[in-house]
Amino acid sequence: MAYPVDMNKRWYHGSPEIIEVLREGSTITQWRKLAMAFSKKPKILCYSKLFGKIFHTGMKKGFLYVIDEPLVMDEDIYQHPRTTMDIGVEFLTKRPLKVKRIL
């Protein structure tokens, strides 16, 4: 299954660390709950395509960030080439990006 990407929507990153700039090669997504789950650094994470629920084993305190600048597909970000998730869910950054913590 492929998820639609809308470049006008927000992009999220989850991390257990406080950051101001997201490093090149970091993972981002437009699925807010997925980014929050990844912020807890789970060893296991899966989701139900049917119900959109996320299950994970993460226990760390996590922070949620939004990318705080415009993005261009294939110039700033690209589809993760080795993702185990559906197309359109997980992307990698090509350069450092400004972020803003929202949770």
Protein backbone atom coordinates (compact mmCIF):
# COMPACT_ATOMS: atom_id res chain seq x y z
CA MET A 1 0.00 0.00 0.00
CA ALA A 2 1.25 3.50 -0.76
CA TYR A 3 0.44 6.57 1.30
CA PRO A 4 -0.03 9.88 -0.51
CA VAL A 5 2.57 12.58 0.11
CA ASP A 6 1.43 16.21 0.23
CA MET A 7 4.41 18.56 0.20
CA ASN A 8 2.16 21.29 1.67
CA LYS A 9 1.55 19.28 4.85
CA ARG A 10 3.81 19.18 7.90
CA TRP A 11 6.80 16.87 8.16
CA TYR A 12 7.70 15.36 11.56
CA HIS A 13 10.72 13.89 13.28
CA GLY A 14 10.74 12.18 16.67
CA SER A 15 13.77 11.97 18.94
CA PRO A 16 14.57 11.34 22.60
CA GLU A 17 17.08 14.22 22.35
CA ILE A 18 16.60 17.97 22.29
CA ILE A 19 17.80 19.28 18.92
CA GLU A 20 17.66 22.50 16.92
CA VAL A 21 18.86 21.15 13.58
CA LEU A 22 18.08 17.77 12.09
CA ARG A 23 21.14 16.06 10.61
CA GLU A 24 21.47 14.96 7.00
CA GLY A 25 20.34 11.33 6.66
CA SER A 26 17.68 11.61 9.37
CA THR A 27 14.23 10.08 9.00
CA ILE A 28 11.09 12.21 8.64
CA THR A 29 7.44 11.40 8.02
CA GLN A 30 4.11 13.12 7.55
CA TRP A 31 2.52 10.67 10.00
CA ARG A 32 2.66 12.50 13.33
CA LYS A 33 1.90 9.44 15.50
CA LEU A 34 4.64 7.46 13.79
CA ALA A 35 7.23 10.17 14.50
CA MET A 36 6.12 10.25 18.14
CA ALA A 37 6.48 6.46 18.38
CA PHE A 38 10.00 6.64 16.89
CA SER A 39 10.91 9.34 19.43
CA LYS A 40 10.77 6.65 22.11
CA LYS A 41 13.47 4.57 20.33
CA PRO A 42 11.56 1.28 20.12
CA LYS A 43 13.33 -1.98 19.27
CA ILE A 44 10.11 -3.19 17.65
CA LEU A 45 7.54 -1.06 15.82
CA CYS A 46 4.68 -2.07 13.55
CA TYR A 47 1.42 -0.58 12.40
CA SER A 48 -1.96 -1.77 11.25
CA LYS A 49 -2.72 -0.61 7.73
CA LEU A 50 -6.38 -1.39 8.30
CA PHE A 51 -6.84 0.64 11.50
CA GLY A 52 -3.85 3.02 11.37
CA LYS A 53 -2.73 1.99 14.87
CA ILE A 54 0.93 1.90 15.84
CA PHE A 55 2.40 -0.67 18.21
CA HIS A 56 5.92 -0.32 19.64
CA THR A 57 8.19 -1.28 22.52
CA GLY A 58 9.74 2.16 23.11
CA MET A 59 9.93 3.35 26.71
CA LYS A 60 12.09 6.50 26.52
CA LYS A 61 10.71 9.99 26.87
CA GLY A 62 10.47 11.44 23.39
CA PHE A 63 10.15 14.81 21.73
CA LEU A 64 8.23 15.64 18.58
CA TYR A 65 9.57 18.11 16.03
CA VAL A 66 8.24 19.70 12.86
CA ILE A 67 10.49 20.66 10.01
CA ASP A 68 10.63 24.45 10.15
CA GLU A 69 11.42 25.26 6.52
CA PRO A 70 10.02 24.45 3.07
CA LEU A 71 11.04 21.12 1.50
CA VAL A 72 11.43 20.00 -2.10
CA MET A 73 11.10 16.30 -2.93
CA ASP A 74 14.31 14.76 -4.29
CA GLU A 75 16.21 17.98 -3.55
CA ASP A 76 15.86 18.09 0.25
CA ILE A 77 14.32 14.68 1.01
CA TYR A 78 13.80 11.32 -0.68
CA GLN A 79 11.89 8.08 -0.11
CA HIS A 80 13.84 5.80 2.24
CA PRO A 81 15.33 3.21 -0.14
CA ARG A 82 15.40 0.34 2.37
CA THR A 83 12.26 1.02 4.37
CA THR A 84 10.23 -1.85 5.75
CA MET A 85 7.20 0.43 5.73
CA ASP A 86 4.82 1.34 2.95
CA ILE A 87 5.80 3.76 0.19
CA GLY A 88 5.16 7.37 1.23
CA VAL A 89 5.67 6.81 4.97
CA GLU A 90 9.41 7.15 5.64
CA PHE A 91 11.79 9.66 4.05
CA LEU A 92 15.44 10.61 4.54
CA THR A 93 16.90 14.10 4.60
CA LYS A 94 19.60 15.17 2.12
CA ARG A 95 20.82 18.14 4.17
CA PRO A 96 20.56 19.58 7.68
CA LEU A 97 17.09 20.98 8.35
CA LYS A 98 15.78 23.47 10.90
CA VAL A 99 13.26 21.98 13.32
CA LYS A 100 10.87 23.29 15.94
CA ARG A 101 9.93 21.22 18.99
CA ILE A 102 6.17 20.92 19.44
CA LEU A 103 5.96 18.24 22.16
